PDB file of N, CA and C in Angstrom:
ATOM      1  N   MET A   1       0.846  -1.182   0.000  1.00  0.00           N
ATOM      2  CA  MET A   1       0.000   0.000   0.000  1.00  0.00           C
ATOM      3  C   MET A   1       0.890   1.243   0.000  1.00  0.00           C
ATOM      4  N   ASP A   2       0.513   2.222  -0.782  1.00  0.00           N
ATOM      5  CA  ASP A   2       1.212   3.508  -0.858  1.00  0.00           C
ATOM      6  C   ASP A   2       1.284   4.108   0.547  1.00  0.00           C
ATOM      7  N   PRO A   3       2.485   4.472   1.017  1.00  0.00           N
ATOM      8  CA  PRO A   3       2.609   5.012   2.384  1.00  0.00           C
ATOM      9  C   PRO A   3       1.855   6.331   2.589  1.00  0.00           C
ATOM     10  N   ARG A   4       1.492   7.000   1.498  1.00  0.00           N
ATOM     11  CA  ARG A   4       0.739   8.250   1.632  1.00  0.00           C
ATOM     12  C   ARG A   4      -0.744   8.003   1.877  1.00  0.00           C
ATOM     13  N   LEU A   5      -1.192   6.751   1.724  1.00  0.00           N
ATOM     14  CA  LEU A   5      -2.604   6.431   1.927  1.00  0.00           C
ATOM     15  C   LEU A   5      -2.906   6.292   3.413  1.00  0.00           C
ATOM     16  N   LYS A   6      -3.862   7.048   3.887  1.00  0.00           N
ATOM     17  CA  LYS A   6      -4.342   6.867   5.250  1.00  0.00           C
ATOM     18  C   LYS A   6      -5.298   5.690   5.303  1.00  0.00           C
ATOM     19  N   HIS A   7      -6.065   5.514   4.232  1.00  0.00           N
ATOM     20  CA  HIS A   7      -7.038   4.425   4.154  1.00  0.00           C
ATOM     21  C   HIS A   7      -7.028   3.875   2.725  1.00  0.00           C
ATOM     22  N   ASP A   8      -6.892   2.565   2.601  1.00  0.00           N
ATOM     23  CA  ASP A   8      -6.929   1.930   1.285  1.00  0.00           C
ATOM     24  C   ASP A   8      -8.387   1.681   0.919  1.00  0.00           C
ATOM     25  N   LEU A   9      -8.982   2.652   0.251  1.00  0.00           N
ATOM     26  CA  LEU A   9     -10.407   2.610  -0.058  1.00  0.00           C
ATOM     27  C   LEU A   9     -10.742   1.689  -1.222  1.00  0.00           C
ATOM     28  N   ASN A  10      -9.732   1.140  -1.873  1.00  0.00           N
ATOM     29  CA  ASN A  10      -9.968   0.268  -3.016  1.00  0.00           C
ATOM     30  C   ASN A  10      -9.708  -1.203  -2.694  1.00  0.00           C
ATOM     31  N   SER A  11      -9.568  -1.517  -1.425  1.00  0.00           N
ATOM     32  CA  SER A  11      -9.289  -2.902  -1.050  1.00  0.00           C
ATOM     33  C   SER A  11     -10.551  -3.760  -1.128  1.00  0.00           C
ATOM     34  N   GLN A  12     -10.351  -5.045  -1.219  1.00  0.00           N
ATOM     35  CA  GLN A  12     -11.463  -5.992  -1.242  1.00  0.00           C
ATOM     36  C   GLN A  12     -12.246  -5.917   0.062  1.00  0.00           C
ATOM     37  N   LYS A  13     -11.541  -5.689   1.178  1.00  0.00           N
ATOM     38  CA  LYS A  13     -12.184  -5.599   2.494  1.00  0.00           C
ATOM     39  C   LYS A  13     -13.177  -4.437   2.533  1.00  0.00           C
ATOM     40  N   VAL A  14     -12.790  -3.299   1.987  1.00  0.00           N
ATOM     41  CA  VAL A  14     -13.679  -2.134   1.963  1.00  0.00           C
ATOM     42  C   VAL A  14     -14.860  -2.393   1.042  1.00  0.00           C
ATOM     43  N   GLU A  15     -14.589  -3.012  -0.077  1.00  0.00           N
ATOM     44  CA  GLU A  15     -15.671  -3.310  -1.022  1.00  0.00           C
ATOM     45  C   GLU A  15     -16.722  -4.223  -0.394  1.00  0.00           C
ATOM     46  N   SER A  16     -16.286  -5.187   0.406  1.00  0.00           N
ATOM     47  CA  SER A  16     -17.231  -6.133   0.999  1.00  0.00           C
ATOM     48  C   SER A  16     -17.956  -5.557   2.217  1.00  0.00           C
ATOM     49  N   ASN A  17     -17.336  -4.593   2.921  1.00  0.00           N
ATOM     50  CA  ASN A  17     -17.978  -4.008   4.100  1.00  0.00           C
ATOM     51  C   ASN A  17     -17.500  -2.568   4.283  1.00  0.00           C
ATOM     52  N   PRO A  18     -18.050  -1.628   3.530  1.00  0.00           N
ATOM     53  CA  PRO A  18     -17.573  -0.241   3.607  1.00  0.00           C
ATOM     54  C   PRO A  18     -17.900   0.454   4.930  1.00  0.00           C
ATOM     55  N   CYS A  19     -18.902  -0.006   5.650  1.00  0.00           N
ATOM     56  CA  CYS A  19     -19.302   0.674   6.891  1.00  0.00           C
ATOM     57  C   CYS A  19     -18.176   0.711   7.916  1.00  0.00           C
ATOM     58  N   ASP A  20     -17.389  -0.361   8.009  1.00  0.00           N
ATOM     59  CA  ASP A  20     -16.291  -0.394   8.983  1.00  0.00           C
ATOM     60  C   ASP A  20     -15.259   0.692   8.698  1.00  0.00           C
ATOM     61  N   ILE A  21     -14.866   0.834   7.449  1.00  0.00           N
ATOM     62  CA  ILE A  21     -13.843   1.835   7.121  1.00  0.00           C
ATOM     63  C   ILE A  21     -14.398   3.250   7.274  1.00  0.00           C
ATOM     64  N   TYR A  22     -15.658   3.467   6.933  1.00  0.00           N
ATOM     65  CA  TYR A  22     -16.244   4.794   7.098  1.00  0.00           C
ATOM     66  C   TYR A  22     -16.293   5.179   8.571  1.00  0.00           C
ATOM     67  N   GLU A  23     -16.628   4.244   9.434  1.00  0.00           N
ATOM     68  CA  GLU A  23     -16.647   4.521  10.873  1.00  0.00           C
ATOM     69  C   GLU A  23     -15.237   4.837  11.380  1.00  0.00           C
ATOM     70  N   LYS A  24     -14.267   4.064  10.928  1.00  0.00           N
ATOM     71  CA  LYS A  24     -12.873   4.311  11.316  1.00  0.00           C
ATOM     72  C   LYS A  24     -12.416   5.695  10.828  1.00  0.00           C
ATOM     73  N   MET A  25     -12.792   6.055   9.613  1.00  0.00           N
ATOM     74  CA  MET A  25     -12.423   7.363   9.067  1.00  0.00           C
ATOM     75  C   MET A  25     -13.059   8.483   9.892  1.00  0.00           C
ATOM     76  N   ARG A  26     -14.328   8.349  10.238  1.00  0.00           N
ATOM     77  CA  ARG A  26     -14.996   9.373  11.056  1.00  0.00           C
ATOM     78  C   ARG A  26     -14.309   9.520  12.404  1.00  0.00           C
ATOM     79  N   ARG A  27     -13.911   8.407  12.986  1.00  0.00           N
ATOM     80  CA  ARG A  27     -13.304   8.404  14.315  1.00  0.00           C
ATOM     81  C   ARG A  27     -11.852   8.901  14.293  1.00  0.00           C
ATOM     82  N   GLU A  28     -11.044   8.418  13.346  1.00  0.00           N
ATOM     83  CA  GLU A  28      -9.605   8.674  13.358  1.00  0.00           C
ATOM     84  C   GLU A  28      -9.149   9.794  12.426  1.00  0.00           C
ATOM     85  N   ASN A  29      -9.774   9.932  11.276  1.00  0.00           N
ATOM     86  CA  ASN A  29      -9.336  10.907  10.270  1.00  0.00           C
ATOM     87  C   ASN A  29     -10.535  11.541   9.596  1.00  0.00           C
ATOM     88  N   PRO A  30     -11.305  12.382  10.297  1.00  0.00           N
ATOM     89  CA  PRO A  30     -12.505  12.941   9.668  1.00  0.00           C
ATOM     90  C   PRO A  30     -12.201  13.904   8.521  1.00  0.00           C
ATOM     91  N   LYS A  31     -10.972  14.420   8.464  1.00  0.00           N
ATOM     92  CA  LYS A  31     -10.528  15.260   7.338  1.00  0.00           C
ATOM     93  C   LYS A  31      -9.128  14.784   6.977  1.00  0.00           C
ATOM     94  N   PHE A  32      -8.951  14.354   5.747  1.00  0.00           N
ATOM     95  CA  PHE A  32      -7.618  13.923   5.332  1.00  0.00           C
ATOM     96  C   PHE A  32      -7.472  14.058   3.831  1.00  0.00           C
ATOM     97  N   ILE A  33      -6.230  13.998   3.403  1.00  0.00           N
ATOM     98  CA  ILE A  33      -5.904  14.075   1.980  1.00  0.00           C
ATOM     99  C   ILE A  33      -5.030  12.876   1.647  1.00  0.00           C
ATOM    100  N   GLN A  34      -5.289  12.299   0.473  1.00  0.00           N
ATOM    101  CA  GLN A  34      -4.468  11.180   0.026  1.00  0.00           C
ATOM    102  C   GLN A  34      -4.545  11.097  -1.496  1.00  0.00           C
ATOM    103  N   PRO A  35      -3.608  10.360  -2.100  1.00  0.00           N
ATOM    104  CA  PRO A  35      -3.595  10.261  -3.561  1.00  0.00           C
ATOM    105  C   PRO A  35      -4.813   9.516  -4.104  1.00  0.00           C
ATOM    106  N   ALA A  36      -5.229   9.947  -5.284  1.00  0.00           N
ATOM    107  CA  ALA A  36      -6.300   9.263  -6.010  1.00  0.00           C
ATOM    108  C   ALA A  36      -5.735   7.995  -6.642  1.00  0.00           C
ATOM    109  N   LEU A  37      -6.554   7.309  -7.408  1.00  0.00           N
ATOM    110  CA  LEU A  37      -6.117   6.069  -8.051  1.00  0.00           C
ATOM    111  C   LEU A  37      -4.910   6.259  -8.957  1.00  0.00           C
ATOM    112  N   ASP A  38      -4.761   7.469  -9.524  1.00  0.00           N
ATOM    113  CA  ASP A  38      -3.624   7.704 -10.418  1.00  0.00           C
ATOM    114  C   ASP A  38      -2.309   7.833  -9.663  1.00  0.00           C
ATOM    115  N   GLY A  39      -2.362   7.921  -8.309  1.00  0.00           N
ATOM    116  CA  GLY A  39      -1.157   8.039  -7.502  1.00  0.00           C
ATOM    117  C   GLY A  39      -0.551   9.422  -7.490  1.00  0.00           C
ATOM    118  N   VAL A  40      -1.143  10.358  -8.223  1.00  0.00           N
ATOM    119  CA  VAL A  40      -0.590  11.706  -8.337  1.00  0.00           C
ATOM    120  C   VAL A  40      -1.558  12.746  -7.782  1.00  0.00           C
ATOM    121  N   THR A  41      -2.767  12.736  -8.280  1.00  0.00           N
ATOM    122  CA  THR A  41      -3.773  13.716  -7.879  1.00  0.00           C
ATOM    123  C   THR A  41      -4.126  13.513  -6.417  1.00  0.00           C
ATOM    124  N   MET A  42      -4.055  14.590  -5.630  1.00  0.00           N
ATOM    125  CA  MET A  42      -4.401  14.501  -4.215  1.00  0.00           C
ATOM    126  C   MET A  42      -5.874  14.873  -4.043  1.00  0.00           C
ATOM    127  N   ILE A  43      -6.579  14.090  -3.243  1.00  0.00           N
ATOM    128  CA  ILE A  43      -8.005  14.286  -3.014  1.00  0.00           C
ATOM    129  C   ILE A  43      -8.259  14.467  -1.523  1.00  0.00           C
ATOM    130  N   TRP A  44      -9.035  15.484  -1.196  1.00  0.00           N
ATOM    131  CA  TRP A  44      -9.469  15.693   0.186  1.00  0.00           C
ATOM    132  C   TRP A  44     -10.695  14.842   0.459  1.00  0.00           C
ATOM    133  N   PHE A  45     -10.740  14.250   1.641  1.00  0.00           N
ATOM    134  CA  PHE A  45     -11.901  13.515   2.134  1.00  0.00           C
ATOM    135  C   PHE A  45     -12.397  14.229   3.382  1.00  0.00           C
ATOM    136  N   ILE A  46     -13.624  14.649   3.366  1.00  0.00           N
ATOM    137  CA  ILE A  46     -14.263  15.298   4.512  1.00  0.00           C
ATOM    138  C   ILE A  46     -15.408  14.367   4.894  1.00  0.00           C
ATOM    139  N   ILE A  47     -15.328  13.755   6.058  1.00  0.00           N
ATOM    140  CA  ILE A  47     -16.182  12.625   6.380  1.00  0.00           C
ATOM    141  C   ILE A  47     -17.400  12.996   7.227  1.00  0.00           C
ATOM    142  N   ARG A  48     -17.223  13.855   8.207  1.00  0.00           N
ATOM    143  CA  ARG A  48     -18.323  14.134   9.140  1.00  0.00           C
ATOM    144  C   ARG A  48     -19.311  15.152   8.586  1.00  0.00           C
ATOM    145  N   PHE A  49     -20.575  14.926   8.864  1.00  0.00           N
ATOM    146  CA  PHE A  49     -21.643  15.814   8.416  1.00  0.00           C
ATOM    147  C   PHE A  49     -21.381  17.253   8.839  1.00  0.00           C
ATOM    148  N   GLU A  50     -20.976  17.464  10.086  1.00  0.00           N
ATOM    149  CA  GLU A  50     -20.760  18.816  10.601  1.00  0.00           C
ATOM    150  C   GLU A  50     -19.695  19.552   9.782  1.00  0.00           C
ATOM    151  N   ASP A  51     -18.631  18.850   9.441  1.00  0.00           N
ATOM    152  CA  ASP A  51     -17.556  19.466   8.653  1.00  0.00           C
ATOM    153  C   ASP A  51     -18.022  19.794   7.243  1.00  0.00           C
ATOM    154  N   VAL A  52     -18.761  18.871   6.637  1.00  0.00           N
ATOM    155  CA  VAL A  52     -19.293  19.104   5.288  1.00  0.00           C
ATOM    156  C   VAL A  52     -20.240  20.301   5.317  1.00  0.00           C
ATOM    157  N   ASN A  53     -21.097  20.356   6.323  1.00  0.00           N
ATOM    158  CA  ASN A  53     -22.047  21.459   6.446  1.00  0.00           C
ATOM    159  C   ASN A  53     -21.315  22.792   6.612  1.00  0.00           C
ATOM    160  N   ASP A  54     -20.235  22.807   7.404  1.00  0.00           N
ATOM    161  CA  ASP A  54     -19.435  24.026   7.568  1.00  0.00           C
ATOM    162  C   ASP A  54     -18.856  24.476   6.229  1.00  0.00           C
ATOM    163  N   ILE A  55     -18.356  23.538   5.462  1.00  0.00           N
ATOM    164  CA  ILE A  55     -17.770  23.871   4.165  1.00  0.00           C
ATOM    165  C   ILE A  55     -18.830  24.409   3.214  1.00  0.00           C
ATOM    166  N   LEU A  56     -19.993  23.764   3.197  1.00  0.00           N
ATOM    167  CA  LEU A  56     -21.062  24.240   2.319  1.00  0.00           C
ATOM    168  C   LEU A  56     -21.550  25.617   2.743  1.00  0.00           C
ATOM    169  N   GLY A  57     -21.491  25.906   4.042  1.00  0.00           N
ATOM    170  CA  GLY A  57     -21.943  27.204   4.542  1.00  0.00           C
ATOM    171  C   GLY A  57     -20.940  28.317   4.309  1.00  0.00           C
ATOM    172  N   ASP A  58     -19.647  27.994   4.284  1.00  0.00           N
ATOM    173  CA  ASP A  58     -18.604  28.998   4.063  1.00  0.00           C
ATOM    174  C   ASP A  58     -17.500  28.353   3.236  1.00  0.00           C
ATOM    175  N   ASP A  59     -17.677  28.358   1.939  1.00  0.00           N
ATOM    176  CA  ASP A  59     -16.742  27.656   1.063  1.00  0.00           C
ATOM    177  C   ASP A  59     -15.663  28.557   0.465  1.00  0.00           C
ATOM    178  N   LYS A  60     -15.509  29.762   0.942  1.00  0.00           N
ATOM    179  CA  LYS A  60     -14.525  30.677   0.344  1.00  0.00           C
ATOM    180  C   LYS A  60     -13.087  30.146   0.373  1.00  0.00           C
ATOM    181  N   PRO A  61     -12.687  29.384   1.426  1.00  0.00           N
ATOM    182  CA  PRO A  61     -11.304  28.878   1.406  1.00  0.00           C
ATOM    183  C   PRO A  61     -11.074  27.735   0.413  1.00  0.00           C
ATOM    184  N   PHE A  62     -12.119  27.248  -0.223  1.00  0.00           N
ATOM    185  CA  PHE A  62     -12.013  26.079  -1.086  1.00  0.00           C
ATOM    186  C   PHE A  62     -12.238  26.459  -2.549  1.00  0.00           C
ATOM    187  N   VAL A  63     -11.630  25.691  -3.444  1.00  0.00           N
ATOM    188  CA  VAL A  63     -11.857  25.916  -4.868  1.00  0.00           C
ATOM    189  C   VAL A  63     -12.387  24.651  -5.506  1.00  0.00           C
ATOM    190  N   ARG A  64     -13.213  24.836  -6.497  1.00  0.00           N
ATOM    191  CA  ARG A  64     -13.719  23.718  -7.286  1.00  0.00           C
ATOM    192  C   ARG A  64     -13.048  23.716  -8.657  1.00  0.00           C
ATOM    193  N   ASP A  65     -12.825  24.896  -9.158  1.00  0.00           N
ATOM    194  CA  ASP A  65     -12.175  25.059 -10.459  1.00  0.00           C
ATOM    195  C   ASP A  65     -10.667  25.035 -10.217  1.00  0.00           C
ATOM    196  N   MET A  66     -10.027  23.937 -10.574  1.00  0.00           N
ATOM    197  CA  MET A  66      -8.598  23.789 -10.304  1.00  0.00           C
ATOM    198  C   MET A  66      -7.761  24.883 -10.953  1.00  0.00           C
ATOM    199  N   GLY A  67      -8.290  25.494 -11.998  1.00  0.00           N
ATOM    200  CA  GLY A  67      -7.583  26.611 -12.617  1.00  0.00           C
ATOM    201  C   GLY A  67      -7.385  27.765 -11.650  1.00  0.00           C
ATOM    202  N   ASN A  68      -8.266  27.891 -10.667  1.00  0.00           N
ATOM    203  CA  ASN A  68      -8.143  28.945  -9.662  1.00  0.00           C
ATOM    204  C   ASN A  68      -7.100  28.629  -8.598  1.00  0.00           C
ATOM    205  N   ALA A  69      -6.590  27.411  -8.585  1.00  0.00           N
ATOM    206  CA  ALA A  69      -5.597  27.008  -7.589  1.00  0.00           C
ATOM    207  C   ALA A  69      -4.205  26.834  -8.202  1.00  0.00           C
ATOM    208  N   MET A  70      -4.077  27.101  -9.505  1.00  0.00           N
ATOM    209  CA  MET A  70      -2.802  26.893 -10.196  1.00  0.00           C
ATOM    210  C   MET A  70      -2.202  28.214 -10.642  1.00  0.00           C
ATOM    211  N   THR A  71      -0.890  28.196 -10.741  1.00  0.00           N
ATOM    212  CA  THR A  71      -0.215  29.340 -11.328  1.00  0.00           C
ATOM    213  C   THR A  71      -0.423  29.258 -12.846  1.00  0.00           C
ATOM    214  N   PRO A  72      -0.239  30.370 -13.561  1.00  0.00           N
ATOM    215  CA  PRO A  72      -0.351  30.301 -15.025  1.00  0.00           C
ATOM    216  C   PRO A  72       0.603  29.275 -15.648  1.00  0.00           C
ATOM    217  N   VAL A  73       1.787  29.121 -15.071  1.00  0.00           N
ATOM    218  CA  VAL A  73       2.762  28.160 -15.599  1.00  0.00           C
ATOM    219  C   VAL A  73       2.238  26.728 -15.407  1.00  0.00           C
ATOM    220  N   GLU A  74       1.685  26.428 -14.218  1.00  0.00           N
ATOM    221  CA  GLU A  74       1.137  25.095 -13.972  1.00  0.00           C
ATOM    222  C   GLU A  74      -0.046  24.807 -14.902  1.00  0.00           C
ATOM    223  N   GLU A  75      -0.898  25.805 -15.074  1.00  0.00           N
ATOM    224  CA  GLU A  75      -2.056  25.619 -15.944  1.00  0.00           C
ATOM    225  C   GLU A  75      -1.626  25.394 -17.392  1.00  0.00           C
ATOM    226  N   ALA A  76      -0.616  26.117 -17.857  1.00  0.00           N
ATOM    227  CA  ALA A  76      -0.125  25.964 -19.231  1.00  0.00           C
ATOM    228  C   ALA A  76       0.502  24.590 -19.451  1.00  0.00           C
ATOM    229  N   ALA A  77       1.025  23.977 -18.379  1.00  0.00           N
ATOM    230  CA  ALA A  77       1.677  22.670 -18.495  1.00  0.00           C
ATOM    231  C   ALA A  77       0.685  21.516 -18.555  1.00  0.00           C
ATOM    232  N   LEU A  78      -0.585  21.783 -18.286  1.00  0.00           N
ATOM    233  CA  LEU A  78      -1.589  20.718 -18.348  1.00  0.00           C
ATOM    234  C   LEU A  78      -1.758  20.226 -19.781  1.00  0.00           C
ATOM    235  N   PRO A  79      -2.046  18.944 -19.954  1.00  0.00           N
ATOM    236  CA  PRO A  79      -2.273  18.446 -21.313  1.00  0.00           C
ATOM    237  C   PRO A  79      -3.510  19.099 -21.926  1.00  0.00           C
ATOM    238  N   GLN A  80      -3.468  19.294 -23.214  1.00  0.00           N
ATOM    239  CA  GLN A  80      -4.599  19.888 -23.931  1.00  0.00           C
ATOM    240  C   GLN A  80      -5.802  18.959 -23.846  1.00  0.00           C
ATOM    241  N   GLN A  81      -6.952  19.514 -23.475  1.00  0.00           N
ATOM    242  CA  GLN A  81      -8.182  18.732 -23.367  1.00  0.00           C
ATOM    243  C   GLN A  81      -8.993  18.887 -24.648  1.00  0.00           C
ATOM    244  N   PRO A  82      -9.734  17.876 -25.020  1.00  0.00           N
ATOM    245  CA  PRO A  82     -10.602  18.022 -26.185  1.00  0.00           C
ATOM    246  C   PRO A  82     -11.679  19.074 -25.900  1.00  0.00           C
ATOM    247  N   ASP A  83     -12.199  19.702 -26.948  1.00  0.00           N
ATOM    248  CA  ASP A  83     -13.211  20.751 -26.785  1.00  0.00           C
ATOM    249  C   ASP A  83     -14.407  20.267 -25.971  1.00  0.00           C
ATOM    250  N   ILE A  84     -14.758  19.016 -26.110  1.00  0.00           N
ATOM    251  CA  ILE A  84     -15.927  18.486 -25.396  1.00  0.00           C
ATOM    252  C   ILE A  84     -15.710  18.502 -23.886  1.00  0.00           C
ATOM    253  N   ALA A  85     -14.458  18.406 -23.428  1.00  0.00           N
ATOM    254  CA  ALA A  85     -14.169  18.387 -21.986  1.00  0.00           C
ATOM    255  C   ALA A  85     -14.625  19.677 -21.322  1.00  0.00           C
ATOM    256  N   GLU A  86     -14.437  20.805 -21.991  1.00  0.00           N
ATOM    257  CA  GLU A  86     -14.888  22.085 -21.414  1.00  0.00           C
ATOM    258  C   GLU A  86     -16.401  22.071 -21.239  1.00  0.00           C
ATOM    259  N   MET A  87     -17.115  21.556 -22.213  1.00  0.00           N
ATOM    260  CA  MET A  87     -18.566  21.514 -22.110  1.00  0.00           C
ATOM    261  C   MET A  87     -19.003  20.555 -20.992  1.00  0.00           C
ATOM    262  N   ILE A  88     -18.371  19.406 -20.891  1.00  0.00           N
ATOM    263  CA  ILE A  88     -18.724  18.421 -19.872  1.00  0.00           C
ATOM    264  C   ILE A  88     -18.424  18.953 -18.474  1.00  0.00           C
ATOM    265  N   ASN A  89     -17.334  19.665 -18.327  1.00  0.00           N
ATOM    266  CA  ASN A  89     -16.913  20.165 -17.015  1.00  0.00           C
ATOM    267  C   ASN A  89     -17.515  21.514 -16.648  1.00  0.00           C
ATOM    268  N   ASN A  90     -18.376  22.037 -17.482  1.00  0.00           N
ATOM    269  CA  ASN A  90     -18.977  23.340 -17.238  1.00  0.00           C
ATOM    270  C   ASN A  90     -20.299  23.157 -16.476  1.00  0.00           C
ATOM    271  N   HIS A  91     -20.188  22.964 -15.158  1.00  0.00           N
ATOM    272  CA  HIS A  91     -21.386  22.769 -14.336  1.00  0.00           C
ATOM    273  C   HIS A  91     -21.168  23.357 -12.947  1.00  0.00           C
ATOM    274  N   MET A  92     -22.218  23.392 -12.141  1.00  0.00           N
ATOM    275  CA  MET A  92     -22.211  24.032 -10.835  1.00  0.00           C
ATOM    276  C   MET A  92     -21.116  23.494  -9.910  1.00  0.00           C
ATOM    277  N   LEU A  93     -20.855  22.213  -9.969  1.00  0.00           N
ATOM    278  CA  LEU A  93     -19.884  21.625  -9.055  1.00  0.00           C
ATOM    279  C   LEU A  93     -18.455  22.071  -9.348  1.00  0.00           C
ATOM    280  N   LYS A  94     -18.245  22.718 -10.476  1.00  0.00           N
ATOM    281  CA  LYS A  94     -16.910  23.199 -10.835  1.00  0.00           C
ATOM    282  C   LYS A  94     -16.821  24.730 -10.791  1.00  0.00           C
ATOM    283  N   ARG A  95     -17.786  25.381 -10.182  1.00  0.00           N
ATOM    284  CA  ARG A  95     -17.810  26.848 -10.134  1.00  0.00           C
ATOM    285  C   ARG A  95     -17.328  27.359  -8.787  1.00  0.00           C
ATOM    286  N   ASP A  96     -16.712  28.520  -8.783  1.00  0.00           N
ATOM    287  CA  ASP A  96     -16.264  29.182  -7.567  1.00  0.00           C
ATOM    288  C   ASP A  96     -16.905  30.553  -7.454  1.00  0.00           C
ATOM    289  N   GLY A  97     -16.785  31.138  -6.284  1.00  0.00           N
ATOM    290  CA  GLY A  97     -17.179  32.526  -6.060  1.00  0.00           C
ATOM    291  C   GLY A  97     -18.649  32.804  -6.286  1.00  0.00           C
ATOM    292  N   LYS A  98     -18.902  33.989  -6.813  1.00  0.00           N
ATOM    293  CA  LYS A  98     -20.284  34.461  -6.998  1.00  0.00           C
ATOM    294  C   LYS A  98     -21.096  33.537  -7.907  1.00  0.00           C
ATOM    295  N   ASP A  99     -20.449  32.991  -8.913  1.00  0.00           N
ATOM    296  CA  ASP A  99     -21.153  32.090  -9.826  1.00  0.00           C
ATOM    297  C   ASP A  99     -21.646  30.851  -9.072  1.00  0.00           C
ATOM    298  N   ASN A 100     -20.796  30.280  -8.220  1.00  0.00           N
ATOM    299  CA  ASN A 100     -21.201  29.123  -7.437  1.00  0.00           C
ATOM    300  C   ASN A 100     -22.295  29.491  -6.438  1.00  0.00           C
ATOM    301  N   GLU A 101     -22.149  30.630  -5.766  1.00  0.00           N
ATOM    302  CA  GLU A 101     -23.159  31.062  -4.790  1.00  0.00           C
ATOM    303  C   GLU A 101     -24.532  31.190  -5.446  1.00  0.00           C
ATOM    304  N   ARG A 102     -24.566  31.805  -6.593  1.00  0.00           N
ATOM    305  CA  ARG A 102     -25.828  31.994  -7.308  1.00  0.00           C
ATOM    306  C   ARG A 102     -26.458  30.651  -7.671  1.00  0.00           C
ATOM    307  N   LEU A 103     -25.671  29.750  -8.200  1.00  0.00           N
ATOM    308  CA  LEU A 103     -26.190  28.443  -8.602  1.00  0.00           C
ATOM    309  C   LEU A 103     -26.569  27.596  -7.377  1.00  0.00           C
ATOM    310  N   ARG A 104     -25.738  27.657  -6.355  1.00  0.00           N
ATOM    311  CA  ARG A 104     -26.005  26.854  -5.156  1.00  0.00           C
ATOM    312  C   ARG A 104     -27.292  27.296  -4.465  1.00  0.00           C
ATOM    313  N   ARG A 105     -27.536  28.598  -4.416  1.00  0.00           N
ATOM    314  CA  ARG A 105     -28.755  29.104  -3.792  1.00  0.00           C
ATOM    315  C   ARG A 105     -30.012  28.524  -4.426  1.00  0.00           C
ATOM    316  N   SER A 106     -29.923  28.227  -5.703  1.00  0.00           N
ATOM    317  CA  SER A 106     -31.111  27.713  -6.399  1.00  0.00           C
ATOM    318  C   SER A 106     -31.424  26.263  -6.042  1.00  0.00           C
ATOM    319  N   VAL A 107     -30.461  25.542  -5.438  1.00  0.00           N
ATOM    320  CA  VAL A 107     -30.709  24.133  -5.128  1.00  0.00           C
ATOM    321  C   VAL A 107     -30.498  23.757  -3.664  1.00  0.00           C
ATOM    322  N   TRP A 108     -29.866  24.621  -2.882  1.00  0.00           N
ATOM    323  CA  TRP A 108     -29.480  24.271  -1.505  1.00  0.00           C
ATOM    324  C   TRP A 108     -30.415  24.939  -0.521  1.00  0.00           C
ATOM    325  N   ILE A 109     -31.005  24.151   0.350  1.00  0.00           N
ATOM    326  CA  ILE A 109     -31.890  24.662   1.383  1.00  0.00           C
ATOM    327  C   ILE A 109     -31.266  24.393   2.730  1.00  0.00           C
ATOM    328  N   ARG A 110     -31.126  25.401   3.511  1.00  0.00           N
ATOM    329  CA  ARG A 110     -30.514  25.249   4.839  1.00  0.00           C
ATOM    330  C   ARG A 110     -31.580  25.118   5.867  1.00  0.00           C
TER     331      ARG A 110
END
């Protein structure tokens, strides 16, 4: 197992009984980051309802559009995406700031 993994979420054990690992994650690591399946991309896991609710209520420290988290040099180094990728990725879950607030208000009830 990759030493950067806090939890091996792709194991056969997790597949057969995910409740045990979710409980362990809530108890031991309710917020953590680890590599995705590609071994490179880092993904945040926020496990507890209270933490998720806090993020949804005040999401300014977080970005959805990775372009907002990269320098121009990093963004230029990304592989060219097909034109269809922009259309597929153009949705509320990838919006930040005022655009996200406007869209989220239309679907989120507190």
